[in-house]
């Protein structure tokens, strides 16, 4: 069984490979995910649907993990997100601009899996980068 830091590492490897076939191994069936775009997803399928939204907007989205701190059944990660805004995101049409912004994710673990993730992202920076003006 993986420890919590390994689970976080594998979670971001899943995002960066754009391959969610390991989701069932890493995520609790009833995962509660609150993404930085203020979208809540419940369950593994809801989580995968959220990933589709992000990859449609940023097909080359990359999560650079800067730091992970873990204690008991909790972990936090500081991450830099980068990619190209190639598809519509919320009310923002594709700009083809390169984006880079920071965020922090807070993980809870249960029975050797990730049971919840709350992500805070610097949306002001992101929206400033993808605005048409």
C-alpha atoms as a PDB file:
ATOM      1  CA  UNK A   1       0.000   0.000   0.000  1.00  0.00           C
ATOM      2  CA  UNK A   2       1.251   3.484  -0.886  1.00  0.00           C
ATOM      3  CA  UNK A   3       1.816   6.111   1.765  1.00  0.00           C
ATOM      4  CA  UNK A   4       0.055   9.465   1.429  1.00  0.00           C
ATOM      5  CA  UNK A   5       2.955  11.261  -0.292  1.00  0.00           C
ATOM      6  CA  UNK A   6       3.152   8.446  -2.846  1.00  0.00           C
ATOM      7  CA  UNK A   7      -0.592   8.720  -3.449  1.00  0.00           C
ATOM      8  CA  UNK A   8      -0.219  12.467  -4.089  1.00  0.00           C
ATOM      9  CA  UNK A   9       2.705  11.830  -6.421  1.00  0.00           C
ATOM     10  CA  UNK A  10       0.733   9.216  -8.376  1.00  0.00           C
ATOM     11  CA  UNK A  11      -2.285  11.541  -8.472  1.00  0.00           C
ATOM     12  CA  UNK A  12      -0.268  14.268 -10.210  1.00  0.00           C
ATOM     13  CA  UNK A  13       1.410  11.710 -12.489  1.00  0.00           C
ATOM     14  CA  UNK A  14      -2.117  10.695 -13.547  1.00  0.00           C
ATOM     15  CA  UNK A  15      -2.968  14.319 -14.387  1.00  0.00           C
ATOM     16  CA  UNK A  16       0.295  14.901 -16.261  1.00  0.00           C
ATOM     17  CA  UNK A  17      -0.012  11.720 -18.320  1.00  0.00           C
ATOM     18  CA  UNK A  18      -3.680  12.529 -19.063  1.00  0.00           C
ATOM     19  CA  UNK A  19      -4.330   8.852 -18.269  1.00  0.00           C
ATOM     20  CA  UNK A  20      -7.027   8.349 -15.662  1.00  0.00           C
ATOM     21  CA  UNK A  21      -7.027   4.546 -15.807  1.00  0.00           C
ATOM     22  CA  UNK A  22      -5.472   4.481 -12.304  1.00  0.00           C
ATOM     23  CA  UNK A  23      -8.219   6.648 -10.796  1.00  0.00           C
ATOM     24  CA  UNK A  24      -9.925   3.674  -9.148  1.00  0.00           C
ATOM     25  CA  UNK A  25      -6.628   2.666  -7.496  1.00  0.00           C
ATOM     26  CA  UNK A  26      -5.912   6.152  -6.140  1.00  0.00           C
ATOM     27  CA  UNK A  27      -9.326   7.661  -5.425  1.00  0.00           C
ATOM     28  CA  UNK A  28     -12.069   6.582  -3.053  1.00  0.00           C
ATOM     29  CA  UNK A  29     -15.271   5.682  -4.935  1.00  0.00           C
ATOM     30  CA  UNK A  30     -17.075   8.521  -3.140  1.00  0.00           C
ATOM     31  CA  UNK A  31     -14.328  11.117  -3.593  1.00  0.00           C
ATOM     32  CA  UNK A  32     -15.395  14.723  -3.114  1.00  0.00           C
ATOM     33  CA  UNK A  33     -13.392  17.025  -5.376  1.00  0.00           C
ATOM     34  CA  UNK A  34     -13.618  20.814  -5.256  1.00  0.00           C
ATOM     35  CA  UNK A  35     -11.527  22.204  -8.103  1.00  0.00           C
ATOM     36  CA  UNK A  36      -9.890  25.594  -8.341  1.00  0.00           C
ATOM     37  CA  UNK A  37     -12.509  26.686 -10.899  1.00  0.00           C
ATOM     38  CA  UNK A  38     -15.148  26.398  -8.140  1.00  0.00           C
ATOM     39  CA  UNK A  39     -16.576  23.247  -9.684  1.00  0.00           C
ATOM     40  CA  UNK A  40     -17.496  20.425  -7.318  1.00  0.00           C
ATOM     41  CA  UNK A  41     -17.300  16.845  -8.560  1.00  0.00           C
ATOM     42  CA  UNK A  42     -18.467  13.818  -6.623  1.00  0.00           C
ATOM     43  CA  UNK A  43     -17.361  10.265  -7.263  1.00  0.00           C
ATOM     44  CA  UNK A  44     -14.703   9.022  -9.654  1.00  0.00           C
ATOM     45  CA  UNK A  45     -16.810   9.627 -12.776  1.00  0.00           C
ATOM     46  CA  UNK A  46     -17.554  13.200 -11.686  1.00  0.00           C
ATOM     47  CA  UNK A  47     -13.835  13.717 -11.123  1.00  0.00           C
ATOM     48  CA  UNK A  48     -13.057  12.399 -14.612  1.00  0.00           C
ATOM     49  CA  UNK A  49     -15.712  14.723 -16.086  1.00  0.00           C
ATOM     50  CA  UNK A  50     -13.945  17.667 -14.403  1.00  0.00           C
ATOM     51  CA  UNK A  51     -10.653  16.564 -15.983  1.00  0.00           C
ATOM     52  CA  UNK A  52     -12.325  16.566 -19.423  1.00  0.00           C
ATOM     53  CA  UNK A  53     -13.395  20.204 -18.897  1.00  0.00           C
ATOM     54  CA  UNK A  54      -9.815  21.200 -18.071  1.00  0.00           C
ATOM     55  CA  UNK A  55      -8.238  19.258 -20.934  1.00  0.00           C
ATOM     56  CA  UNK A  56     -10.680  20.755 -23.430  1.00  0.00           C
ATOM     57  CA  UNK A  57      -9.510  24.212 -22.339  1.00  0.00           C
ATOM     58  CA  UNK A  58      -5.830  23.303 -21.781  1.00  0.00           C
ATOM     59  CA  UNK A  59      -4.945  20.152 -23.771  1.00  0.00           C
ATOM     60  CA  UNK A  60      -1.314  20.277 -22.626  1.00  0.00           C
ATOM     61  CA  UNK A  61      -2.062  21.095 -18.972  1.00  0.00           C
ATOM     62  CA  UNK A  62       0.866  20.267 -16.692  1.00  0.00           C
ATOM     63  CA  UNK A  63       0.998  20.204 -12.888  1.00  0.00           C
ATOM     64  CA  UNK A  64       4.487  20.980 -11.534  1.00  0.00           C
ATOM     65  CA  UNK A  65       4.519  19.891  -7.891  1.00  0.00           C
ATOM     66  CA  UNK A  66       6.687  22.291  -5.924  1.00  0.00           C
ATOM     67  CA  UNK A  67       6.102  20.914  -2.418  1.00  0.00           C
ATOM     68  CA  UNK A  68       4.115  18.244  -0.563  1.00  0.00           C
ATOM     69  CA  UNK A  69       3.585  18.157   3.200  1.00  0.00           C
ATOM     70  CA  UNK A  70       1.857  15.171   4.775  1.00  0.00           C
ATOM     71  CA  UNK A  71       0.723  14.337   8.296  1.00  0.00           C
ATOM     72  CA  UNK A  72      -1.633  11.608   9.506  1.00  0.00           C
ATOM     73  CA  UNK A  73      -4.556  11.401   7.026  1.00  0.00           C
ATOM     74  CA  UNK A  74      -3.878  14.840   5.483  1.00  0.00           C
ATOM     75  CA  UNK A  75      -1.545  16.270   2.855  1.00  0.00           C
ATOM     76  CA  UNK A  76      -1.079  19.600   1.117  1.00  0.00           C
ATOM     77  CA  UNK A  77       0.647  20.297  -2.189  1.00  0.00           C
ATOM     78  CA  UNK A  78       1.814  23.562  -3.727  1.00  0.00           C
ATOM     79  CA  UNK A  79       1.555  23.298  -7.508  1.00  0.00           C
ATOM     80  CA  UNK A  80       2.297  25.439 -10.560  1.00  0.00           C
ATOM     81  CA  UNK A  81      -0.094  24.821 -13.447  1.00  0.00           C
ATOM     82  CA  UNK A  82       0.909  25.562 -17.033  1.00  0.00           C
ATOM     83  CA  UNK A  83      -0.502  24.963 -20.480  1.00  0.00           C
ATOM     84  CA  UNK A  84      -1.963  26.582 -23.570  1.00  0.00           C
ATOM     85  CA  UNK A  85      -5.485  28.005 -23.573  1.00  0.00           C
ATOM     86  CA  UNK A  86      -6.697  26.166 -26.676  1.00  0.00           C
ATOM     87  CA  UNK A  87     -10.396  25.695 -25.849  1.00  0.00           C
ATOM     88  CA  UNK A  88     -13.253  27.532 -24.176  1.00  0.00           C
ATOM     89  CA  UNK A  89     -13.088  27.758 -20.389  1.00  0.00           C
ATOM     90  CA  UNK A  90     -16.240  29.008 -18.664  1.00  0.00           C
ATOM     91  CA  UNK A  91     -16.919  32.362 -20.394  1.00  0.00           C
ATOM     92  CA  UNK A  92     -13.436  32.667 -21.901  1.00  0.00           C
ATOM     93  CA  UNK A  93     -12.980  31.718 -25.548  1.00  0.00           C
ATOM     94  CA  UNK A  94      -9.670  30.105 -26.540  1.00  0.00           C
ATOM     95  CA  UNK A  95      -6.848  32.631 -26.753  1.00  0.00           C
ATOM     96  CA  UNK A  96      -3.964  30.278 -27.709  1.00  0.00           C
ATOM     97  CA  UNK A  97      -2.041  32.035 -24.915  1.00  0.00           C
ATOM     98  CA  UNK A  98       0.373  30.158 -22.685  1.00  0.00           C
ATOM     99  CA  UNK A  99      -0.806  30.225 -19.074  1.00  0.00           C
ATOM    100  CA  UNK A 100       0.984  29.679 -15.778  1.00  0.00           C
ATOM    101  CA  UNK A 101      -0.552  30.084 -12.324  1.00  0.00           C
ATOM    102  CA  UNK A 102      -0.158  28.651  -8.834  1.00  0.00           C
ATOM    103  CA  UNK A 103      -2.411  26.671  -6.586  1.00  0.00           C
ATOM    104  CA  UNK A 104      -2.593  24.582  -3.445  1.00  0.00           C
ATOM    105  CA  UNK A 105      -4.390  21.279  -3.014  1.00  0.00           C
ATOM    106  CA  UNK A 106      -5.523  19.822   0.286  1.00  0.00           C
ATOM    107  CA  UNK A 107      -5.986  16.047   0.458  1.00  0.00           C
ATOM    108  CA  UNK A 108      -7.802  13.764   2.906  1.00  0.00           C
ATOM    109  CA  UNK A 109      -7.118  10.031   2.880  1.00  0.00           C
ATOM    110  CA  UNK A 110      -9.248   7.075   3.934  1.00  0.00           C
ATOM    111  CA  UNK A 111      -8.463   3.362   3.693  1.00  0.00           C
ATOM    112  CA  UNK A 112      -5.319   3.930   1.600  1.00  0.00           C
ATOM    113  CA  UNK A 113      -7.026   6.156  -0.987  1.00  0.00           C
ATOM    114  CA  UNK A 114      -7.652   9.851  -1.561  1.00  0.00           C
ATOM    115  CA  UNK A 115     -11.129  10.611  -0.186  1.00  0.00           C
ATOM    116  CA  UNK A 116     -11.335  14.360  -0.796  1.00  0.00           C
ATOM    117  CA  UNK A 117      -9.385  17.117  -2.527  1.00  0.00           C
ATOM    118  CA  UNK A 118      -9.928  20.860  -2.182  1.00  0.00           C
ATOM    119  CA  UNK A 119      -7.974  23.003  -4.630  1.00  0.00           C
ATOM    120  CA  UNK A 120      -7.343  26.721  -4.300  1.00  0.00           C
ATOM    121  CA  UNK A 121      -5.946  28.382  -7.404  1.00  0.00           C
ATOM    122  CA  UNK A 122      -4.825  31.903  -8.208  1.00  0.00           C
ATOM    123  CA  UNK A 123      -7.818  32.485 -10.481  1.00  0.00           C
ATOM    124  CA  UNK A 124      -7.156  36.218 -10.712  1.00  0.00           C
ATOM    125  CA  UNK A 125      -3.851  35.440 -12.391  1.00  0.00           C
ATOM    126  CA  UNK A 126      -5.409  32.789 -14.653  1.00  0.00           C
ATOM    127  CA  UNK A 127      -8.320  34.982 -15.788  1.00  0.00           C
ATOM    128  CA  UNK A 128      -5.985  37.895 -16.412  1.00  0.00           C
ATOM    129  CA  UNK A 129      -3.903  35.648 -18.691  1.00  0.00           C
ATOM    130  CA  UNK A 130      -6.854  34.320 -20.719  1.00  0.00           C
ATOM    131  CA  UNK A 131      -8.860  37.510 -21.037  1.00  0.00           C
ATOM    132  CA  UNK A 132      -9.090  38.787 -24.604  1.00  0.00           C
ATOM    133  CA  UNK A 133      -8.116  42.328 -23.629  1.00  0.00           C
END
